[in-house]
């Protein structure tokens, strides 16, 4: 497998303060779906922002397609990595199609504006995701789950090689969580390389083939889901005893975990 992104001996700290984490090493191959787990404040989003080149590492490096991420230009990076954040507020009541079409920005010249082909491309992506019916609706007037799907469509409109999802199901109800997870799973099945932070360990079994766990002392474990998602690692990650259950209904079998409250 070809390594798409490699985090090498990485550490990060704010100013002269103690490091948030250090000695982080993660390899993400083409087509991987890696879920990044950990408690609030352990540095998941910080690592996410370093991978996106929003924050700069204190030591170490991040390689993307064999090239140091610090050497990418803004447009070049946007054509390679797409980012879907957990929240987004549109300052103006754009239609959903207009929001999706904004994803074409990295492909436009400095004084260019989207043309008919860009609009058609944006609409075709909305059709592919099953949200074409939202094209004419105001982004500010659709549900949280629908907004997340529109943001995913906008990111796909960039034509990136990999997508970073920062807790994409936060603040969503059960149905909208399912809608977003189903979309992420479909993208992964098509070979898109994905990194997703999440507060919900159970999401790992639904969509990921790899997992990395952080706690307040740094990396707990990483690797294939079947090797890393253990009661011992989850307990160490979250600081509370965690039990894993294996359930079967008809032809469907699934795993899930819960904190032990006994």
Protein backbone atom coordinates (compact mmCIF):
# COMPACT_ATOMS: atom_id res chain seq x y z
CA UNK A 1 0.00 0.00 0.00
CA UNK A 2 1.15 3.55 -0.79
CA UNK A 3 1.50 5.87 2.20
CA UNK A 4 -0.66 8.94 1.55
CA UNK A 5 0.12 10.87 4.73
CA UNK A 6 2.80 10.27 7.35
CA UNK A 7 3.09 12.00 10.73
CA UNK A 8 6.69 11.55 11.85
CA UNK A 9 8.07 12.10 15.38
CA UNK A 10 5.65 14.98 15.82
CA UNK A 11 5.22 17.18 18.88
CA UNK A 12 3.15 20.30 19.39
CA UNK A 13 2.95 22.96 22.07
CA UNK A 14 1.57 26.48 22.39
CA UNK A 15 4.46 28.93 22.83
CA UNK A 16 6.78 27.93 25.65
CA UNK A 17 4.11 25.84 27.37
CA UNK A 18 4.42 22.11 27.89
CA UNK A 19 3.73 20.05 24.80
CA UNK A 20 0.13 19.02 24.10
CA UNK A 21 1.54 15.74 22.73
CA UNK A 22 4.86 14.46 21.46
CA UNK A 23 6.44 11.55 19.57
CA UNK A 24 3.33 11.02 17.44
CA UNK A 25 3.85 8.69 14.48
CA UNK A 26 0.99 7.74 12.17
CA UNK A 27 1.01 6.37 8.63
CA UNK A 28 -2.18 6.64 6.58
CA UNK A 29 -2.29 4.66 3.35
CA UNK A 30 -4.25 5.39 0.18
CA UNK A 31 -7.86 4.37 0.80
CA UNK A 32 -7.58 4.15 4.60
CA UNK A 33 -10.36 5.41 6.82
CA UNK A 34 -8.71 6.31 10.13
CA UNK A 35 -10.73 7.37 13.16
CA UNK A 36 -8.98 9.51 15.77
CA UNK A 37 -10.39 8.98 19.27
CA UNK A 38 -9.74 10.61 22.62
CA UNK A 39 -11.27 12.65 25.46
CA UNK A 40 -11.92 16.39 25.27
CA UNK A 41 -8.76 18.44 25.50
CA UNK A 42 -6.31 15.65 24.67
CA UNK A 43 -5.22 17.29 21.40
CA UNK A 44 -7.30 15.53 18.71
CA UNK A 45 -8.33 18.77 17.02
CA UNK A 46 -4.80 20.14 17.42
CA UNK A 47 -3.41 17.13 15.54
CA UNK A 48 -6.19 17.55 12.98
CA UNK A 49 -5.13 21.17 12.43
CA UNK A 50 -1.48 20.20 12.11
CA UNK A 51 -2.36 17.65 9.43
CA UNK A 52 -4.27 20.42 7.64
CA UNK A 53 -1.23 22.73 8.01
CA UNK A 54 -3.26 25.24 10.03
CA UNK A 55 -0.91 24.75 13.00
CA UNK A 56 2.84 24.16 12.70
CA UNK A 57 4.52 21.35 14.60
CA UNK A 58 7.14 22.15 17.23
CA UNK A 59 9.22 19.17 16.14
CA UNK A 60 8.86 16.45 13.52
CA UNK A 61 7.17 16.67 10.16
CA UNK A 62 4.07 15.67 8.23
CA UNK A 63 4.58 14.23 4.77
CA UNK A 64 1.81 14.26 2.16
CA UNK A 65 2.46 12.22 -0.98
CA UNK A 66 6.14 12.17 0.04
CA UNK A 67 6.36 15.97 0.33
CA UNK A 68 6.61 18.05 3.51
CA UNK A 69 3.19 19.61 4.07
CA UNK A 70 4.86 22.96 4.87
CA UNK A 71 6.07 23.12 1.28
CA UNK A 72 2.55 23.09 -0.19
CA UNK A 73 0.97 26.27 -1.49
CA UNK A 74 -2.56 27.09 -0.35
CA UNK A 75 -4.26 26.09 -3.61
CA UNK A 76 -2.08 23.00 -4.03
CA UNK A 77 -2.97 21.81 -0.52
CA UNK A 78 -6.69 22.50 -1.08
CA UNK A 79 -6.57 20.30 -4.19
CA UNK A 80 -5.05 17.50 -2.13
CA UNK A 81 -6.79 17.72 1.27
CA UNK A 82 -10.42 18.67 1.83
CA UNK A 83 -11.70 19.56 5.30
CA UNK A 84 -15.20 19.20 6.74
CA UNK A 85 -15.54 20.98 10.07
CA UNK A 86 -18.19 20.20 12.67
CA UNK A 87 -19.87 23.60 12.40
CA UNK A 88 -20.27 26.21 9.71
CA UNK A 89 -22.33 29.39 9.60
CA UNK A 90 -22.93 31.01 6.23
CA UNK A 91 -22.79 34.81 6.54
CA UNK A 92 -25.29 35.20 3.69
CA UNK A 93 -28.30 33.08 2.72
CA UNK A 94 -26.62 31.28 -0.18
CA UNK A 95 -28.43 28.42 -1.83
CA UNK A 96 -27.02 24.99 -1.07
CA UNK A 97 -25.83 24.72 -4.68
CA UNK A 98 -23.89 27.97 -4.34
CA UNK A 99 -22.24 26.67 -1.15
CA UNK A 100 -21.24 23.44 -2.90
CA UNK A 101 -19.90 25.39 -5.90
CA UNK A 102 -17.56 27.31 -3.58
CA UNK A 103 -15.50 24.13 -3.53
CA UNK A 104 -14.27 25.00 -7.02
CA UNK A 105 -12.28 27.98 -5.66
CA UNK A 106 -8.85 26.23 -5.65
CA UNK A 107 -9.31 25.49 -9.37
CA UNK A 108 -10.11 29.07 -10.39
CA UNK A 109 -7.71 31.82 -11.39
CA UNK A 110 -7.23 34.86 -9.19
CA UNK A 111 -9.88 36.94 -10.95
CA UNK A 112 -12.04 34.08 -12.23
CA UNK A 113 -15.57 33.23 -11.17
CA UNK A 114 -17.36 29.86 -11.37
CA UNK A 115 -18.78 29.13 -14.81
CA UNK A 116 -21.50 26.84 -16.11
CA UNK A 117 -19.23 23.78 -15.96
CA UNK A 118 -18.44 24.49 -12.32
CA UNK A 119 -22.14 24.75 -11.54
CA UNK A 120 -22.89 21.52 -13.38
CA UNK A 121 -20.06 19.79 -11.56
CA UNK A 122 -21.38 20.96 -8.19
CA UNK A 123 -24.89 19.80 -9.03
CA UNK A 124 -23.66 16.38 -10.20
CA UNK A 125 -21.95 15.86 -6.82
CA UNK A 126 -25.16 16.77 -5.01
CA UNK A 127 -26.97 14.22 -7.18
CA UNK A 128 -24.38 11.59 -6.34
CA UNK A 129 -24.84 12.23 -2.62
CA UNK A 130 -28.62 12.18 -2.95
CA UNK A 131 -29.10 15.82 -1.96
CA UNK A 132 -29.92 17.42 -5.33
CA UNK A 133 -33.33 18.32 -3.89
CA UNK A 134 -31.52 20.80 -1.60
CA UNK A 135 -29.87 22.69 -4.49
CA UNK A 136 -32.30 25.61 -4.50
CA UNK A 137 -32.88 25.72 -0.76
CA UNK A 138 -31.17 28.30 1.42
CA UNK A 139 -28.26 26.79 3.32
CA UNK A 140 -29.36 28.68 6.43
CA UNK A 141 -32.80 27.04 6.34
CA UNK A 142 -31.94 23.34 6.10
CA UNK A 143 -31.32 20.90 8.97
CA UNK A 144 -27.97 20.33 10.65
CA UNK A 145 -27.54 16.95 9.01
CA UNK A 146 -28.40 18.39 5.60
CA UNK A 147 -25.87 21.19 6.14
CA UNK A 148 -23.18 18.62 6.89
CA UNK A 149 -23.99 16.76 3.67
CA UNK A 150 -23.81 20.04 1.74
CA UNK A 151 -20.39 20.72 3.29
CA UNK A 152 -19.24 17.23 2.29
CA UNK A 153 -20.45 17.95 -1.25
CA UNK A 154 -18.57 21.26 -1.23
CA UNK A 155 -15.40 19.47 -0.16
CA UNK A 156 -15.82 16.86 -2.90
CA UNK A 157 -16.19 19.73 -5.35
CA UNK A 158 -12.55 20.58 -4.56
CA UNK A 159 -11.64 17.14 -5.99
CA UNK A 160 -9.27 16.36 -3.10
CA UNK A 161 -7.31 13.14 -2.69
CA UNK A 162 -8.23 12.82 0.97
CA UNK A 163 -10.78 14.35 3.36
CA UNK A 164 -10.45 15.32 7.02
CA UNK A 165 -13.66 15.23 9.06
CA UNK A 166 -13.61 17.07 12.39
CA UNK A 167 -16.34 15.45 14.52
CA UNK A 168 -18.87 15.65 11.67
CA UNK A 169 -21.73 14.18 13.74
CA UNK A 170 -21.41 16.50 16.74
CA UNK A 171 -24.66 18.27 17.67
CA UNK A 172 -26.65 16.07 15.27
CA UNK A 173 -29.64 13.95 16.22
CA UNK A 174 -29.69 10.18 15.73
CA UNK A 175 -31.10 10.24 12.18
CA UNK A 176 -28.75 12.97 10.96
CA UNK A 177 -25.76 11.18 12.50
CA UNK A 178 -26.73 8.09 10.51
CA UNK A 179 -27.04 10.14 7.29
CA UNK A 180 -23.55 11.61 7.68
CA UNK A 181 -21.92 8.32 8.71
CA UNK A 182 -23.52 6.54 5.77
CA UNK A 183 -22.06 9.15 3.42
CA UNK A 184 -18.59 8.86 4.96
CA UNK A 185 -18.82 5.07 4.65
CA UNK A 186 -19.76 5.32 0.96
CA UNK A 187 -16.83 7.64 0.26
CA UNK A 188 -14.49 5.23 2.00
CA UNK A 189 -15.88 2.29 0.02
CA UNK A 190 -15.06 4.22 -3.19
CA UNK A 191 -11.42 4.50 -2.11
CA UNK A 192 -11.33 8.03 -0.66
CA UNK A 193 -8.66 8.42 2.03
CA UNK A 194 -10.33 9.68 5.21
CA UNK A 195 -9.27 10.89 8.65
CA UNK A 196 -12.11 11.53 11.10
CA UNK A 197 -12.06 12.74 14.69
CA UNK A 198 -14.94 11.55 16.81
CA UNK A 199 -16.32 11.60 20.35
CA UNK A 200 -18.12 8.31 19.68
CA UNK A 201 -15.96 5.14 19.80
CA UNK A 202 -18.80 3.09 18.31
CA UNK A 203 -18.38 4.95 15.02
CA UNK A 204 -15.07 3.17 14.52
CA UNK A 205 -16.71 -0.22 13.97
CA UNK A 206 -19.13 1.29 11.47
CA UNK A 207 -16.77 3.09 9.11
CA UNK A 208 -13.05 2.72 9.86
CA UNK A 209 -10.33 0.21 9.07
CA UNK A 210 -7.77 1.97 11.29
CA UNK A 211 -7.94 3.79 14.60
CA UNK A 212 -5.59 5.99 16.63
CA UNK A 213 -6.27 6.69 20.32
CA UNK A 214 -4.96 9.68 22.24
CA UNK A 215 -5.23 10.52 25.92
CA UNK A 216 -3.69 13.28 28.03
CA UNK A 217 -0.32 11.47 27.98
CA UNK A 218 -0.16 11.11 24.20
CA UNK A 219 -0.71 8.14 21.91
CA UNK A 220 -2.32 5.13 23.57
CA UNK A 221 -2.50 2.78 20.59
CA UNK A 222 -2.96 2.79 16.84
CA UNK A 223 -3.43 0.29 14.05
CA UNK A 224 -6.09 -1.97 12.60
CA UNK A 225 -9.50 -1.70 14.24
CA UNK A 226 -9.64 -5.38 15.19
CA UNK A 227 -6.30 -5.08 17.00
CA UNK A 228 -6.67 -1.70 18.71
CA UNK A 229 -10.34 -1.52 19.76
CA UNK A 230 -9.97 -3.41 23.02
CA UNK A 231 -11.46 -2.83 26.46
CA UNK A 232 -7.97 -2.20 27.84
CA UNK A 233 -7.12 0.49 25.25
CA UNK A 234 -10.51 2.19 25.50
CA UNK A 235 -10.31 2.25 29.30
CA UNK A 236 -6.82 3.75 29.17
CA UNK A 237 -7.93 6.31 26.57
CA UNK A 238 -11.03 7.61 28.36
CA UNK A 239 -10.09 7.03 32.00
CA UNK A 240 -13.24 5.05 32.71
CA UNK A 241 -13.80 1.30 32.57
CA UNK A 242 -15.20 0.37 29.17
CA UNK A 243 -16.93 -2.85 28.17
CA UNK A 244 -17.21 -4.14 24.58
CA UNK A 245 -20.27 -6.09 23.48
CA UNK A 246 -20.83 -8.26 20.43
CA UNK A 247 -24.43 -8.28 19.19
CA UNK A 248 -26.13 -10.25 16.43
CA UNK A 249 -29.56 -9.74 14.87
CA UNK A 250 -30.50 -11.87 11.89
CA UNK A 251 -27.60 -11.65 9.44
CA UNK A 252 -26.29 -8.45 11.00
CA UNK A 253 -23.49 -8.56 13.56
CA UNK A 254 -21.98 -5.54 15.25
CA UNK A 255 -19.78 -4.50 18.13
CA UNK A 256 -20.34 -1.59 20.47
CA UNK A 257 -18.92 -0.31 23.73
CA UNK A 258 -20.28 1.33 26.85
CA UNK A 259 -18.78 2.65 30.09
CA UNK A 260 -19.19 0.20 32.96
CA UNK A 261 -21.43 1.98 35.47
CA UNK A 262 -21.62 -0.88 38.00
